[in-house]
Each structure stands twice: as structure tokens, then as C-alpha cells.
Amino acid sequence: MNARLPSESTYEPNNLLDALKEILGSKNDAALSRTLEIAPHVISKIRHYRLPISAALLIRMHDVTDLSVSDLQGMMGDRRSKFRLSSAQGRPKN
């Protein structure tokens, strides 16, 4: 399956991952994954647009770097100031 994630023209998670490697002094994606305590395949899937950067991962990046979540979002080109949930989210299942 080669489906790419829906993306805005400015969404570029590789910019964020490359900046984190530089900030943290990681030589490669495997070292970055160890620092972030995530599986290496997660970074690979993000780089190939098969997996979005989740809120939990953004928070983990914040914890490791002390950069604000909005700064991290800006590094990957996410310029949204608000996030909306669908009307179905948060509702109990019948």
C-alpha cells in the first residue's frame, strides 16, 4: 500500500526529525529512536509519510529537548493554532 497521509503543502516531518538529530547529537535515525525511546520503524514510517507524528510523540520530543510543542510543530511545518476533534470523538459508544 503506497497511500500517503493527507498533508498540507507545508507538512514536512523530515525537517523536524533532522533538527532533532542535530539538537540531540544523534548520528542517525536509530540513535534518535533510542533517545526518544521509540521503535526505529516508527521513525522510518514517519519519514515515508506512512505514519503521522502523534501528540504523544510530540510530548516525548518536548520532554527530551525542552522545546515547546508549538516550536516542534513549527519545525515540521504545522502552522495550525488550534486542533479540532470530530464530533464523534469523546462520545460514549452505544
PDB file of N, CA and C in Angstrom:
ATOM      1  N   MET A   1       0.853  -1.173   0.000  1.00  0.00           N
ATOM      2  CA  MET A   1       0.000   0.000   0.000  1.00  0.00           C
ATOM      3  C   MET A   1       0.895   1.231   0.000  1.00  0.00           C
ATOM      4  N   ASN A   2       0.719   2.097  -0.969  1.00  0.00           N
ATOM      5  CA  ASN A   2       1.544   3.291  -1.103  1.00  0.00           C
ATOM      6  C   ASN A   2       0.787   4.562  -0.772  1.00  0.00           C
ATOM      7  N   ALA A   3      -0.274   4.474  -0.040  1.00  0.00           N
ATOM      8  CA  ALA A   3      -1.070   5.663   0.274  1.00  0.00           C
ATOM      9  C   ALA A   3      -0.293   6.590   1.191  1.00  0.00           C
ATOM     10  N   ARG A   4      -0.216   7.838   0.786  1.00  0.00           N
ATOM     11  CA  ARG A   4       0.435   8.850   1.626  1.00  0.00           C
ATOM     12  C   ARG A   4      -0.604   9.455   2.542  1.00  0.00           C
ATOM     13  N   LEU A   5      -0.146   9.904   3.676  1.00  0.00           N
ATOM     14  CA  LEU A   5      -1.037  10.575   4.609  1.00  0.00           C
ATOM     15  C   LEU A   5      -1.529  11.871   3.992  1.00  0.00           C
ATOM     16  N   PRO A   6      -2.762  12.240   4.278  1.00  0.00           N
ATOM     17  CA  PRO A   6      -3.207  13.541   3.802  1.00  0.00           C
ATOM     18  C   PRO A   6      -2.328  14.610   4.437  1.00  0.00           C
ATOM     19  N   SER A   7      -1.864  15.518   3.626  1.00  0.00           N
ATOM     20  CA  SER A   7      -0.950  16.511   4.177  1.00  0.00           C
ATOM     21  C   SER A   7      -1.184  17.861   3.554  1.00  0.00           C
ATOM     22  N   GLU A   8      -0.860  18.863   4.302  1.00  0.00           N
ATOM     23  CA  GLU A   8      -0.865  20.213   3.786  1.00  0.00           C
ATOM     24  C   GLU A   8       0.432  20.377   3.006  1.00  0.00           C
ATOM     25  N   SER A   9       0.479  21.362   2.152  1.00  0.00           N
ATOM     26  CA  SER A   9       1.653  21.524   1.307  1.00  0.00           C
ATOM     27  C   SER A   9       2.913  21.821   2.125  1.00  0.00           C
ATOM     28  N   THR A  10       2.764  22.263   3.356  1.00  0.00           N
ATOM     29  CA  THR A  10       3.927  22.625   4.152  1.00  0.00           C
ATOM     30  C   THR A  10       4.346  21.536   5.144  1.00  0.00           C
ATOM     31  N   TYR A  11       3.566  20.483   5.295  1.00  0.00           N
ATOM     32  CA  TYR A  11       3.885  19.436   6.268  1.00  0.00           C
ATOM     33  C   TYR A  11       5.126  18.679   5.819  1.00  0.00           C
ATOM     34  N   GLU A  12       6.176  18.748   6.602  1.00  0.00           N
ATOM     35  CA  GLU A  12       7.427  18.063   6.284  1.00  0.00           C
ATOM     36  C   GLU A  12       8.053  17.542   7.577  1.00  0.00           C
ATOM     37  N   PRO A  13       7.656  16.334   8.016  1.00  0.00           N
ATOM     38  CA  PRO A  13       8.167  15.799   9.277  1.00  0.00           C
ATOM     39  C   PRO A  13       9.670  15.532   9.247  1.00  0.00           C
ATOM     40  N   ASN A  14      10.243  15.342   8.057  1.00  0.00           N
ATOM     41  CA  ASN A  14      11.693  15.094   7.977  1.00  0.00           C
ATOM     42  C   ASN A  14      12.488  16.275   8.501  1.00  0.00           C
ATOM     43  N   ASN A  15      11.969  17.489   8.315  1.00  0.00           N
ATOM     44  CA  ASN A  15      12.655  18.667   8.856  1.00  0.00           C
ATOM     45  C   ASN A  15      12.759  18.576  10.374  1.00  0.00           C
ATOM     46  N   LEU A  16      11.676  18.168  11.006  1.00  0.00           N
ATOM     47  CA  LEU A  16      11.665  18.028  12.463  1.00  0.00           C
ATOM     48  C   LEU A  16      12.629  16.930  12.901  1.00  0.00           C
ATOM     49  N   LEU A  17      12.570  15.776  12.257  1.00  0.00           N
ATOM     50  CA  LEU A  17      13.442  14.672  12.645  1.00  0.00           C
ATOM     51  C   LEU A  17      14.909  15.034  12.452  1.00  0.00           C
ATOM     52  N   ASP A  18      15.233  15.713  11.351  1.00  0.00           N
ATOM     53  CA  ASP A  18      16.619  16.129  11.113  1.00  0.00           C
ATOM     54  C   ASP A  18      17.084  17.152  12.147  1.00  0.00           C
ATOM     55  N   ALA A  19      16.200  18.087  12.500  1.00  0.00           N
ATOM     56  CA  ALA A  19      16.550  19.089  13.511  1.00  0.00           C
ATOM     57  C   ALA A  19      16.767  18.429  14.872  1.00  0.00           C
ATOM     58  N   LEU A  20      15.937  17.448  15.214  1.00  0.00           N
ATOM     59  CA  LEU A  20      16.103  16.743  16.490  1.00  0.00           C
ATOM     60  C   LEU A  20      17.417  15.966  16.525  1.00  0.00           C
ATOM     61  N   LYS A  21      17.769  15.348  15.406  1.00  0.00           N
ATOM     62  CA  LYS A  21      19.052  14.639  15.358  1.00  0.00           C
ATOM     63  C   LYS A  21      20.199  15.602  15.637  1.00  0.00           C
ATOM     64  N   GLU A  22      20.127  16.786  15.069  1.00  0.00           N
ATOM     65  CA  GLU A  22      21.190  17.773  15.287  1.00  0.00           C
ATOM     66  C   GLU A  22      21.191  18.278  16.732  1.00  0.00           C
ATOM     67  N   ILE A  23      20.017  18.612  17.242  1.00  0.00           N
ATOM     68  CA  ILE A  23      19.906  19.141  18.604  1.00  0.00           C
ATOM     69  C   ILE A  23      20.394  18.118  19.637  1.00  0.00           C
ATOM     70  N   LEU A  24      20.024  16.865  19.429  1.00  0.00           N
ATOM     71  CA  LEU A  24      20.353  15.820  20.393  1.00  0.00           C
ATOM     72  C   LEU A  24      21.710  15.166  20.119  1.00  0.00           C
ATOM     73  N   GLY A  25      22.335  15.519  19.007  1.00  0.00           N
ATOM     74  CA  GLY A  25      23.627  14.944  18.670  1.00  0.00           C
ATOM     75  C   GLY A  25      23.557  13.487  18.253  1.00  0.00           C
ATOM     76  N   SER A  26      22.423  13.101  17.688  1.00  0.00           N
ATOM     77  CA  SER A  26      22.254  11.719  17.229  1.00  0.00           C
ATOM     78  C   SER A  26      22.874  11.564  15.848  1.00  0.00           C
ATOM     79  N   LYS A  27      23.623  10.479  15.654  1.00  0.00           N
ATOM     80  CA  LYS A  27      24.284  10.259  14.367  1.00  0.00           C
ATOM     81  C   LYS A  27      23.317   9.834  13.273  1.00  0.00           C
ATOM     82  N   ASN A  28      22.273   9.087  13.663  1.00  0.00           N
ATOM     83  CA  ASN A  28      21.342   8.552  12.669  1.00  0.00           C
ATOM     84  C   ASN A  28      19.974   8.348  13.301  1.00  0.00           C
ATOM     85  N   ASP A  29      19.041   7.832  12.495  1.00  0.00           N
ATOM     86  CA  ASP A  29      17.681   7.638  12.991  1.00  0.00           C
ATOM     87  C   ASP A  29      17.606   6.588  14.093  1.00  0.00           C
ATOM     88  N   ALA A  30      18.466   5.587  14.030  1.00  0.00           N
ATOM     89  CA  ALA A  30      18.464   4.563  15.080  1.00  0.00           C
ATOM     90  C   ALA A  30      18.846   5.171  16.430  1.00  0.00           C
ATOM     91  N   ALA A  31      19.852   6.044  16.420  1.00  0.00           N
ATOM     92  CA  ALA A  31      20.260   6.712  17.665  1.00  0.00           C
ATOM     93  C   ALA A  31      19.146   7.640  18.151  1.00  0.00           C
ATOM     94  N   LEU A  32      18.479   8.313  17.226  1.00  0.00           N
ATOM     95  CA  LEU A  32      17.357   9.188  17.601  1.00  0.00           C
ATOM     96  C   LEU A  32      16.232   8.371  18.221  1.00  0.00           C
ATOM     97  N   SER A  33      15.941   7.226  17.644  1.00  0.00           N
ATOM     98  CA  SER A  33      14.864   6.391  18.196  1.00  0.00           C
ATOM     99  C   SER A  33      15.206   5.910  19.607  1.00  0.00           C
ATOM    100  N   ARG A  34      16.477   5.601  19.862  1.00  0.00           N
ATOM    101  CA  ARG A  34      16.876   5.194  21.223  1.00  0.00           C
ATOM    102  C   ARG A  34      16.720   6.353  22.196  1.00  0.00           C
ATOM    103  N   THR A  35      17.094   7.557  21.766  1.00  0.00           N
ATOM    104  CA  THR A  35      16.976   8.728  22.635  1.00  0.00           C
ATOM    105  C   THR A  35      15.513   9.021  22.958  1.00  0.00           C
ATOM    106  N   LEU A  36      14.650   8.887  21.953  1.00  0.00           N
ATOM    107  CA  LEU A  36      13.223   9.149  22.153  1.00  0.00           C
ATOM    108  C   LEU A  36      12.490   7.960  22.757  1.00  0.00           C
ATOM    109  N   GLU A  37      13.188   6.832  22.866  1.00  0.00           N
ATOM    110  CA  GLU A  37      12.615   5.588  23.402  1.00  0.00           C
ATOM    111  C   GLU A  37      11.418   5.125  22.592  1.00  0.00           C
ATOM    112  N   ILE A  38      11.596   5.115  21.264  1.00  0.00           N
ATOM    113  CA  ILE A  38      10.578   4.589  20.355  1.00  0.00           C
ATOM    114  C   ILE A  38      11.240   3.583  19.430  1.00  0.00           C
ATOM    115  N   ALA A  39      10.439   2.745  18.802  1.00  0.00           N
ATOM    116  CA  ALA A  39      10.978   1.744  17.882  1.00  0.00           C
ATOM    117  C   ALA A  39      11.519   2.423  16.624  1.00  0.00           C
ATOM    118  N   PRO A  40      12.627   1.933  16.087  1.00  0.00           N
ATOM    119  CA  PRO A  40      13.203   2.535  14.880  1.00  0.00           C
ATOM    120  C   PRO A  40      12.247   2.575  13.690  1.00  0.00           C
ATOM    121  N   HIS A  41      11.367   1.570  13.580  1.00  0.00           N
ATOM    122  CA  HIS A  41      10.447   1.564  12.436  1.00  0.00           C
ATOM    123  C   HIS A  41       9.451   2.722  12.493  1.00  0.00           C
ATOM    124  N   VAL A  42       9.216   3.279  13.665  1.00  0.00           N
ATOM    125  CA  VAL A  42       8.307   4.430  13.776  1.00  0.00           C
ATOM    126  C   VAL A  42       8.893   5.625  13.040  1.00  0.00           C
ATOM    127  N   ILE A  43      10.168   5.871  13.227  1.00  0.00           N
ATOM    128  CA  ILE A  43      10.817   6.984  12.526  1.00  0.00           C
ATOM    129  C   ILE A  43      10.809   6.733  11.026  1.00  0.00           C
ATOM    130  N   SER A  44      11.063   5.504  10.621  1.00  0.00           N
ATOM    131  CA  SER A  44      11.040   5.173   9.201  1.00  0.00           C
ATOM    132  C   SER A  44       9.659   5.430   8.594  1.00  0.00           C
ATOM    133  N   LYS A  45       8.624   5.008   9.292  1.00  0.00           N
ATOM    134  CA  LYS A  45       7.264   5.226   8.784  1.00  0.00           C
ATOM    135  C   LYS A  45       6.920   6.710   8.717  1.00  0.00           C
ATOM    136  N   ILE A  46       7.386   7.488   9.688  1.00  0.00           N
ATOM    137  CA  ILE A  46       7.152   8.935   9.655  1.00  0.00           C
ATOM    138  C   ILE A  46       7.883   9.547   8.464  1.00  0.00           C
ATOM    139  N   ARG A  47       9.121   9.155   8.253  1.00  0.00           N
ATOM    140  CA  ARG A  47       9.910   9.696   7.138  1.00  0.00           C
ATOM    141  C   ARG A  47       9.290   9.381   5.781  1.00  0.00           C
ATOM    142  N   HIS A  48       8.606   8.250   5.677  1.00  0.00           N
ATOM    143  CA  HIS A  48       7.985   7.847   4.415  1.00  0.00           C
ATOM    144  C   HIS A  48       6.500   8.195   4.356  1.00  0.00           C
ATOM    145  N   TYR A  49       6.051   9.066   5.247  1.00  0.00           N
ATOM    146  CA  TYR A  49       4.669   9.573   5.274  1.00  0.00           C
ATOM    147  C   TYR A  49       3.627   8.470   5.452  1.00  0.00           C
ATOM    148  N   ARG A  50       3.982   7.412   6.133  1.00  0.00           N
ATOM    149  CA  ARG A  50       3.034   6.345   6.399  1.00  0.00           C
ATOM    150  C   ARG A  50       2.439   6.445   7.800  1.00  0.00           C
ATOM    151  N   LEU A  51       3.017   7.327   8.620  1.00  0.00           N
ATOM    152  CA  LEU A  51       2.565   7.493   9.998  1.00  0.00           C
ATOM    153  C   LEU A  51       2.732   8.955  10.379  1.00  0.00           C
ATOM    154  N   PRO A  52       1.681   9.560  10.910  1.00  0.00           N
ATOM    155  CA  PRO A  52       1.828  10.952  11.346  1.00  0.00           C
ATOM    156  C   PRO A  52       2.563  11.030  12.678  1.00  0.00           C
ATOM    157  N   ILE A  53       3.088  12.190  12.974  1.00  0.00           N
ATOM    158  CA  ILE A  53       3.696  12.406  14.284  1.00  0.00           C
ATOM    159  C   ILE A  53       2.551  12.624  15.265  1.00  0.00           C
ATOM    160  N   SER A  54       2.431  11.728  16.211  1.00  0.00           N
ATOM    161  CA  SER A  54       1.311  11.769  17.161  1.00  0.00           C
ATOM    162  C   SER A  54       1.548  12.803  18.251  1.00  0.00           C
ATOM    163  N   ALA A  55       0.486  13.127  18.937  1.00  0.00           N
ATOM    164  CA  ALA A  55       0.584  14.054  20.065  1.00  0.00           C
ATOM    165  C   ALA A  55       1.498  13.468  21.143  1.00  0.00           C
ATOM    166  N   ALA A  56       1.391  12.169  21.373  1.00  0.00           N
ATOM    167  CA  ALA A  56       2.238  11.524  22.381  1.00  0.00           C
ATOM    168  C   ALA A  56       3.712  11.633  22.004  1.00  0.00           C
ATOM    169  N   LEU A  57       4.020  11.479  20.717  1.00  0.00           N
ATOM    170  CA  LEU A  57       5.407  11.596  20.276  1.00  0.00           C
ATOM    171  C   LEU A  57       5.886  13.038  20.382  1.00  0.00           C
ATOM    172  N   LEU A  58       5.024  13.997  20.065  1.00  0.00           N
ATOM    173  CA  LEU A  58       5.398  15.407  20.241  1.00  0.00           C
ATOM    174  C   LEU A  58       5.710  15.716  21.701  1.00  0.00           C
ATOM    175  N   ILE A  59       4.918  15.170  22.589  1.00  0.00           N
ATOM    176  CA  ILE A  59       5.155  15.386  24.023  1.00  0.00           C
ATOM    177  C   ILE A  59       6.469  14.731  24.441  1.00  0.00           C
ATOM    178  N   ARG A  60       6.752  13.553  23.917  1.00  0.00           N
ATOM    179  CA  ARG A  60       8.026  12.889  24.223  1.00  0.00           C
ATOM    180  C   ARG A  60       9.195  13.727  23.723  1.00  0.00           C
ATOM    181  N   MET A  61       9.066  14.281  22.502  1.00  0.00           N
ATOM    182  CA  MET A  61      10.115  15.145  21.952  1.00  0.00           C
ATOM    183  C   MET A  61      10.304  16.383  22.827  1.00  0.00           C
ATOM    184  N   HIS A  62       9.205  16.923  23.311  1.00  0.00           N
ATOM    185  CA  HIS A  62       9.265  18.076  24.217  1.00  0.00           C
ATOM    186  C   HIS A  62      10.006  17.708  25.503  1.00  0.00           C
ATOM    187  N   ASP A  63       9.671  16.553  26.069  1.00  0.00           N
ATOM    188  CA  ASP A  63      10.317  16.112  27.309  1.00  0.00           C
ATOM    189  C   ASP A  63      11.826  15.956  27.140  1.00  0.00           C
ATOM    190  N   VAL A  64      12.248  15.448  26.005  1.00  0.00           N
ATOM    191  CA  VAL A  64      13.667  15.178  25.767  1.00  0.00           C
ATOM    192  C   VAL A  64      14.437  16.455  25.435  1.00  0.00           C
ATOM    193  N   THR A  65      13.806  17.386  24.701  1.00  0.00           N
ATOM    194  CA  THR A  65      14.529  18.567  24.209  1.00  0.00           C
ATOM    195  C   THR A  65      14.242  19.851  24.969  1.00  0.00           C
ATOM    196  N   ASP A  66      13.166  19.891  25.731  1.00  0.00           N
ATOM    197  CA  ASP A  66      12.683  21.105  26.395  1.00  0.00           C
ATOM    198  C   ASP A  66      12.216  22.175  25.406  1.00  0.00           C
ATOM    199  N   LEU A  67      12.039  21.810  24.130  1.00  0.00           N
ATOM    200  CA  LEU A  67      11.437  22.727  23.158  1.00  0.00           C
ATOM    201  C   LEU A  67       9.929  22.669  23.335  1.00  0.00           C
ATOM    202  N   SER A  68       9.251  23.786  23.104  1.00  0.00           N
ATOM    203  CA  SER A  68       7.799  23.780  23.236  1.00  0.00           C
ATOM    204  C   SER A  68       7.167  22.960  22.115  1.00  0.00           C
ATOM    205  N   VAL A  69       5.982  22.449  22.375  1.00  0.00           N
ATOM    206  CA  VAL A  69       5.270  21.672  21.363  1.00  0.00           C
ATOM    207  C   VAL A  69       4.998  22.535  20.140  1.00  0.00           C
ATOM    208  N   SER A  70       4.681  23.810  20.337  1.00  0.00           N
ATOM    209  CA  SER A  70       4.432  24.672  19.179  1.00  0.00           C
ATOM    210  C   SER A  70       5.708  24.895  18.368  1.00  0.00           C
ATOM    211  N   ASP A  71       6.871  24.954  19.021  1.00  0.00           N
ATOM    212  CA  ASP A  71       8.136  25.045  18.286  1.00  0.00           C
ATOM    213  C   ASP A  71       8.385  23.776  17.473  1.00  0.00           C
ATOM    214  N   LEU A  72       8.107  22.631  18.084  1.00  0.00           N
ATOM    215  CA  LEU A  72       8.274  21.359  17.383  1.00  0.00           C
ATOM    216  C   LEU A  72       7.338  21.274  16.183  1.00  0.00           C
ATOM    217  N   GLN A  73       6.092  21.714  16.371  1.00  0.00           N
ATOM    218  CA  GLN A  73       5.140  21.714  15.261  1.00  0.00           C
ATOM    219  C   GLN A  73       5.618  22.638  14.148  1.00  0.00           C
ATOM    220  N   GLY A  74       6.158  23.785  14.518  1.00  0.00           N
ATOM    221  CA  GLY A  74       6.666  24.719  13.522  1.00  0.00           C
ATOM    222  C   GLY A  74       7.808  24.135  12.721  1.00  0.00           C
ATOM    223  N   MET A  75       8.646  23.320  13.356  1.00  0.00           N
ATOM    224  CA  MET A  75       9.775  22.701  12.656  1.00  0.00           C
ATOM    225  C   MET A  75       9.313  21.752  11.563  1.00  0.00           C
ATOM    226  N   MET A  76       8.127  21.163  11.746  1.00  0.00           N
ATOM    227  CA  MET A  76       7.641  20.244  10.713  1.00  0.00           C
ATOM    228  C   MET A  76       6.636  20.910   9.783  1.00  0.00           C
ATOM    229  N   GLY A  77       6.459  22.218   9.946  1.00  0.00           N
ATOM    230  CA  GLY A  77       5.593  22.947   9.031  1.00  0.00           C
ATOM    231  C   GLY A  77       4.133  22.977   9.429  1.00  0.00           C
ATOM    232  N   ASP A  78       3.815  22.537  10.629  1.00  0.00           N
ATOM    233  CA  ASP A  78       2.430  22.559  11.098  1.00  0.00           C
ATOM    234  C   ASP A  78       2.165  23.923  11.714  1.00  0.00           C
ATOM    235  N   ARG A  79       1.406  24.744  11.038  1.00  0.00           N
ATOM    236  CA  ARG A  79       1.173  26.115  11.476  1.00  0.00           C
ATOM    237  C   ARG A  79      -0.203  26.322  12.108  1.00  0.00           C
ATOM    238  N   ARG A  80      -0.925  25.216  12.354  1.00  0.00           N
ATOM    239  CA  ARG A  80      -2.262  25.359  12.940  1.00  0.00           C
ATOM    240  C   ARG A  80      -2.162  25.877  14.372  1.00  0.00           C
ATOM    241  N   SER A  81      -3.034  26.804  14.704  1.00  0.00           N
ATOM    242  CA  SER A  81      -3.028  27.308  16.074  1.00  0.00           C
ATOM    243  C   SER A  81      -4.013  26.543  16.947  1.00  0.00           C
ATOM    244  N   LYS A  82      -4.973  25.867  16.312  1.00  0.00           N
ATOM    245  CA  LYS A  82      -5.965  25.086  17.045  1.00  0.00           C
ATOM    246  C   LYS A  82      -6.134  23.740  16.382  1.00  0.00           C
ATOM    247  N   PHE A  83      -6.497  22.769  17.176  1.00  0.00           N
ATOM    248  CA  PHE A  83      -6.783  21.442  16.664  1.00  0.00           C
ATOM    249  C   PHE A  83      -8.234  21.133  16.986  1.00  0.00           C
ATOM    250  N   ARG A  84      -8.914  20.546  16.043  1.00  0.00           N
ATOM    251  CA  ARG A  84     -10.318  20.230  16.242  1.00  0.00           C
ATOM    252  C   ARG A  84     -10.511  18.737  16.304  1.00  0.00           C
ATOM    253  N   LEU A  85     -11.397  18.346  17.179  1.00  0.00           N
ATOM    254  CA  LEU A  85     -11.777  16.950  17.282  1.00  0.00           C
ATOM    255  C   LEU A  85     -13.074  16.757  16.518  1.00  0.00           C
ATOM    256  N   SER A  86     -13.256  15.592  15.977  1.00  0.00           N
ATOM    257  CA  SER A  86     -14.519  15.326  15.297  1.00  0.00           C
ATOM    258  C   SER A  86     -15.618  15.232  16.345  1.00  0.00           C
ATOM    259  N   SER A  87     -16.839  15.393  15.908  1.00  0.00           N
ATOM    260  CA  SER A  87     -17.961  15.352  16.844  1.00  0.00           C
ATOM    261  C   SER A  87     -18.134  13.960  17.445  1.00  0.00           C
ATOM    262  N   ALA A  88     -17.586  12.931  16.788  1.00  0.00           N
ATOM    263  CA  ALA A  88     -17.710  11.581  17.296  1.00  0.00           C
ATOM    264  C   ALA A  88     -16.696  11.282  18.398  1.00  0.00           C
ATOM    265  N   GLN A  89     -15.602  12.025  18.443  1.00  0.00           N
ATOM    266  CA  GLN A  89     -14.592  11.756  19.448  1.00  0.00           C
ATOM    267  C   GLN A  89     -15.065  12.187  20.830  1.00  0.00           C
ATOM    268  N   GLY A  90     -14.823  11.351  21.789  1.00  0.00           N
ATOM    269  CA  GLY A  90     -15.186  11.662  23.168  1.00  0.00           C
ATOM    270  C   GLY A  90     -16.585  11.238  23.552  1.00  0.00           C
ATOM    271  N   ARG A  91     -17.365  10.789  22.576  1.00  0.00           N
ATOM    272  CA  ARG A  91     -18.712  10.320  22.884  1.00  0.00           C
ATOM    273  C   ARG A  91     -18.665   8.863  23.298  1.00  0.00           C
ATOM    274  N   PRO A  92     -19.491   8.503  24.270  1.00  0.00           N
ATOM    275  CA  PRO A  92     -19.542   7.080  24.653  1.00  0.00           C
ATOM    276  C   PRO A  92     -20.197   6.269  23.535  1.00  0.00           C
ATOM    277  N   LYS A  93     -19.728   5.022  23.370  1.00  0.00           N
ATOM    278  CA  LYS A  93     -20.329   4.144  22.371  1.00  0.00           C
ATOM    279  C   LYS A  93     -21.643   3.610  22.899  1.00  0.00           C
ATOM    280  N   ASN A  94     -22.593   3.490  22.017  1.00  0.00           N
ATOM    281  CA  ASN A  94     -23.926   2.971  22.426  1.00  0.00           C
ATOM    282  C   ASN A  94     -23.925   1.484  22.512  1.00  0.00           C
TER     283      ASN A  94
END
